[in-house]
């Protein structure tokens, strides 16, 4: 059975729940492919009449906002020991360099780091927990969280859905092109963040004074 044919047998409510759950967990701080799930589901909705794009966008938005809020609460309670624990458990995603890059973004942009972080794959998993760790006032976090969630999740759903409708003749089977584009976008943003994280790590190592040699 073709992938598209199999997906059309999945109940719409399961798609809504999957999108909300994956995006919520990613926003909470768990590395998951939320953007790819959202893009592929929006494309599926453009070809599957049973999936309502408005409900899909609402579920994605709710997942993003709720997940970020839970991540904020966890980060505020756990503090920096939480970041150290995450770094030990997930060194690839929560390395010192990545955290340093995210912190610098927060220092530079404040609450808007939460907003703009929604559009960058790696920052998306940091925004909520790090805002809590850095004790950002909740009202500032909430404004940026809600605006970012609506524009990113709702906007992405709307844009991809209408692209799918317009390009229906090219998307009769399954839009692997859309998925490839989403993957490439996600990889590009992650590579940029990794380069910045590596640079931050190098700068920190250069700034750290070498230990005095022990006299014999």
Protein backbone atom coordinates (compact mmCIF):
# COMPACT_ATOMS: atom_id res chain seq x y z
CA UNK A 1 0.00 0.00 0.00
CA UNK A 2 1.30 3.43 -0.94
CA UNK A 3 2.12 5.83 1.89
CA UNK A 4 -0.61 8.26 0.81
CA UNK A 5 -3.22 5.49 0.64
CA UNK A 6 -2.23 4.29 4.12
CA UNK A 7 -2.37 7.80 5.57
CA UNK A 8 -5.86 8.29 4.16
CA UNK A 9 -7.04 5.38 6.30
CA UNK A 10 -5.86 7.11 9.50
CA UNK A 11 -8.73 8.93 11.33
CA UNK A 12 -8.47 12.72 11.26
CA UNK A 13 -8.60 12.90 15.07
CA UNK A 14 -5.44 10.78 15.21
CA UNK A 15 -3.66 13.25 12.93
CA UNK A 16 -4.75 16.17 15.13
CA UNK A 17 -3.60 14.37 18.27
CA UNK A 18 -0.26 13.34 16.74
CA UNK A 19 0.55 16.86 15.55
CA UNK A 20 -0.40 18.45 18.89
CA UNK A 21 1.53 15.84 20.87
CA UNK A 22 4.75 15.90 18.83
CA UNK A 23 4.89 19.70 18.66
CA UNK A 24 4.04 19.94 22.36
CA UNK A 25 6.81 17.53 23.35
CA UNK A 26 9.31 19.29 21.08
CA UNK A 27 8.38 22.67 22.58
CA UNK A 28 8.71 21.18 26.05
CA UNK A 29 12.37 20.40 25.31
CA UNK A 30 12.37 16.91 23.77
CA UNK A 31 14.17 16.74 20.38
CA UNK A 32 11.44 15.66 17.94
CA UNK A 33 10.75 16.53 14.26
CA UNK A 34 7.79 18.82 14.96
CA UNK A 35 8.26 20.92 11.83
CA UNK A 36 8.33 17.89 9.54
CA UNK A 37 5.20 16.45 11.17
CA UNK A 38 3.40 19.79 10.81
CA UNK A 39 4.37 20.30 7.16
CA UNK A 40 3.50 16.74 6.11
CA UNK A 41 0.15 16.88 7.94
CA UNK A 42 -0.76 20.21 6.33
CA UNK A 43 0.08 18.78 2.93
CA UNK A 44 -2.01 15.72 3.70
CA UNK A 45 -4.92 17.98 4.70
CA UNK A 46 -4.73 19.72 1.32
CA UNK A 47 -5.50 16.38 -0.35
CA UNK A 48 -7.61 14.70 2.32
CA UNK A 49 -11.05 16.26 2.75
CA UNK A 50 -11.59 14.70 6.17
CA UNK A 51 -8.73 16.69 7.74
CA UNK A 52 -9.79 20.23 8.61
CA UNK A 53 -6.81 22.61 8.24
CA UNK A 54 -8.29 25.03 10.79
CA UNK A 55 -8.55 22.29 13.43
CA UNK A 56 -5.08 21.05 12.46
CA UNK A 57 -3.60 24.53 12.86
CA UNK A 58 -5.41 25.01 16.16
CA UNK A 59 -4.05 21.70 17.53
CA UNK A 60 -0.52 22.58 16.39
CA UNK A 61 -0.80 26.04 17.97
CA UNK A 62 -2.16 24.63 21.23
CA UNK A 63 0.62 22.04 21.35
CA UNK A 64 3.27 24.70 20.77
CA UNK A 65 1.93 27.08 23.44
CA UNK A 66 1.20 24.42 26.07
CA UNK A 67 4.51 22.62 25.48
CA UNK A 68 6.50 25.83 25.80
CA UNK A 69 4.62 26.75 28.98
CA UNK A 70 5.34 23.37 30.57
CA UNK A 71 8.99 23.70 29.52
CA UNK A 72 9.12 27.14 31.14
CA UNK A 73 7.71 25.75 34.41
CA UNK A 74 10.19 22.86 34.38
CA UNK A 75 13.12 25.17 33.64
CA UNK A 76 12.10 27.64 36.35
CA UNK A 77 11.89 24.86 38.92
CA UNK A 78 14.94 22.89 37.80
CA UNK A 79 17.28 25.82 37.18
CA UNK A 80 20.81 25.30 35.87
CA UNK A 81 21.14 21.80 37.36
CA UNK A 82 18.44 20.83 34.87
CA UNK A 83 20.57 22.08 31.97
CA UNK A 84 23.55 20.13 33.32
CA UNK A 85 21.41 16.99 33.58
CA UNK A 86 20.07 17.45 30.04
CA UNK A 87 23.60 18.01 28.78
CA UNK A 88 24.65 14.68 30.27
CA UNK A 89 21.61 12.83 28.88
CA UNK A 90 21.42 14.55 25.47
CA UNK A 91 24.92 15.91 24.74
CA UNK A 92 24.16 16.28 21.04
CA UNK A 93 21.30 18.72 21.64
CA UNK A 94 22.11 20.26 25.05
CA UNK A 95 25.87 20.72 24.77
CA UNK A 96 27.54 23.66 26.49
CA UNK A 97 28.02 25.33 23.12
CA UNK A 98 24.35 25.05 22.19
CA UNK A 99 23.24 26.34 25.56
CA UNK A 100 25.74 29.22 25.35
CA UNK A 101 24.39 30.17 21.91
CA UNK A 102 20.81 30.09 23.18
CA UNK A 103 21.74 32.16 26.24
CA UNK A 104 23.40 34.78 24.09
CA UNK A 105 20.24 34.98 21.98
CA UNK A 106 18.20 35.55 25.15
CA UNK A 107 20.62 38.21 26.38
CA UNK A 108 20.43 40.02 23.06
CA UNK A 109 16.72 39.68 22.23
CA UNK A 110 15.03 39.04 25.59
CA UNK A 111 11.42 37.88 25.23
CA UNK A 112 11.70 38.00 21.44
CA UNK A 113 14.19 35.14 21.58
CA UNK A 114 11.19 33.01 22.55
CA UNK A 115 9.23 34.37 19.58
CA UNK A 116 11.97 34.04 16.95
CA UNK A 117 13.21 30.79 18.48
CA UNK A 118 9.95 29.20 17.36
CA UNK A 119 11.15 29.43 13.75
CA UNK A 120 14.58 27.81 14.35
CA UNK A 121 14.67 24.04 14.83
CA UNK A 122 17.28 23.89 17.60
CA UNK A 123 16.11 26.96 19.52
CA UNK A 124 12.57 25.59 19.52
CA UNK A 125 13.52 22.95 22.11
CA UNK A 126 15.45 25.49 24.23
CA UNK A 127 13.06 28.43 24.35
CA UNK A 128 10.65 27.31 27.08
CA UNK A 129 13.07 25.62 29.51
CA UNK A 130 15.79 28.26 29.10
CA UNK A 131 13.33 31.12 29.63
CA UNK A 132 12.39 29.46 32.91
CA UNK A 133 15.99 28.88 33.95
CA UNK A 134 16.84 32.53 33.24
CA UNK A 135 13.80 33.64 35.27
CA UNK A 136 12.19 35.60 32.46
CA UNK A 137 9.00 37.26 33.78
CA UNK A 138 6.13 34.95 32.89
CA UNK A 139 3.98 37.67 31.30
CA UNK A 140 6.76 38.48 28.83
CA UNK A 141 7.30 34.81 28.10
CA UNK A 142 3.56 34.24 27.64
CA UNK A 143 3.16 37.07 25.11
CA UNK A 144 6.10 35.86 23.00
CA UNK A 145 5.02 32.23 23.40
CA UNK A 146 1.43 32.83 22.27
CA UNK A 147 2.40 35.10 19.35
CA UNK A 148 5.14 32.73 18.22
CA UNK A 149 2.92 29.67 18.52
CA UNK A 150 0.07 31.23 16.53
CA UNK A 151 2.26 32.65 13.76
CA UNK A 152 4.56 29.62 13.44
CA UNK A 153 2.09 26.75 13.84
CA UNK A 154 -1.00 28.44 12.42
CA UNK A 155 0.90 30.27 9.70
CA UNK A 156 2.86 27.21 8.60
CA UNK A 157 -0.33 25.14 8.42
CA UNK A 158 -2.11 27.79 6.33
CA UNK A 159 0.78 28.39 3.92
CA UNK A 160 1.56 24.71 3.33
CA UNK A 161 -2.14 23.84 3.02
CA UNK A 162 -2.74 26.44 0.31
CA UNK A 163 0.48 25.49 -1.47
CA UNK A 164 -0.82 21.92 -1.52
CA UNK A 165 -4.19 23.02 -2.88
CA UNK A 166 -2.62 25.14 -5.63
CA UNK A 167 -0.14 22.42 -6.55
CA UNK A 168 -2.67 19.60 -6.30
CA UNK A 169 -1.83 18.31 -9.76
CA UNK A 170 1.74 17.73 -8.60
CA UNK A 171 0.77 16.37 -5.19
CA UNK A 172 -1.60 13.57 -6.21
CA UNK A 173 0.44 10.85 -4.58
CA UNK A 174 2.42 12.30 -1.67
CA UNK A 175 4.41 15.47 -1.47
CA UNK A 176 7.88 14.17 -0.93
CA UNK A 177 9.07 17.49 -2.35
CA UNK A 178 7.40 19.28 0.55
CA UNK A 179 8.95 16.89 3.04
CA UNK A 180 12.39 17.26 1.45
CA UNK A 181 12.04 21.05 1.63
CA UNK A 182 11.05 20.83 5.31
CA UNK A 183 13.96 18.52 6.09
CA UNK A 184 16.43 20.77 4.27
CA UNK A 185 15.11 23.83 6.09
CA UNK A 186 15.40 22.07 9.43
CA UNK A 187 18.91 20.79 8.67
CA UNK A 188 20.05 24.22 7.48
CA UNK A 189 18.84 25.94 10.64
CA UNK A 190 20.44 23.25 12.81
CA UNK A 191 23.76 23.53 10.96
CA UNK A 192 23.76 27.30 11.47
CA UNK A 193 23.09 26.84 15.18
CA UNK A 194 25.79 24.17 15.45
CA UNK A 195 28.34 26.48 13.84
CA UNK A 196 27.42 29.24 16.27
CA UNK A 197 27.54 26.81 19.18
CA UNK A 198 30.98 25.57 18.13
CA UNK A 199 32.23 29.13 17.86
CA UNK A 200 30.86 29.97 21.30
CA UNK A 201 32.53 26.88 22.78
CA UNK A 202 35.86 27.85 21.19
CA UNK A 203 35.57 31.41 22.49
CA UNK A 204 34.79 30.20 26.01
CA UNK A 205 37.74 27.82 25.97
CA UNK A 206 40.00 30.65 24.80
CA UNK A 207 38.73 32.92 27.59
CA UNK A 208 39.22 30.28 30.30
CA UNK A 209 42.66 30.79 31.90
CA UNK A 210 44.92 27.79 31.89
CA UNK A 211 45.58 26.26 35.32
CA UNK A 212 48.86 27.17 36.96
CA UNK A 213 51.43 24.42 36.70
CA UNK A 214 52.05 22.59 39.91
CA UNK A 215 55.49 23.35 41.25
CA UNK A 216 57.68 20.25 41.71
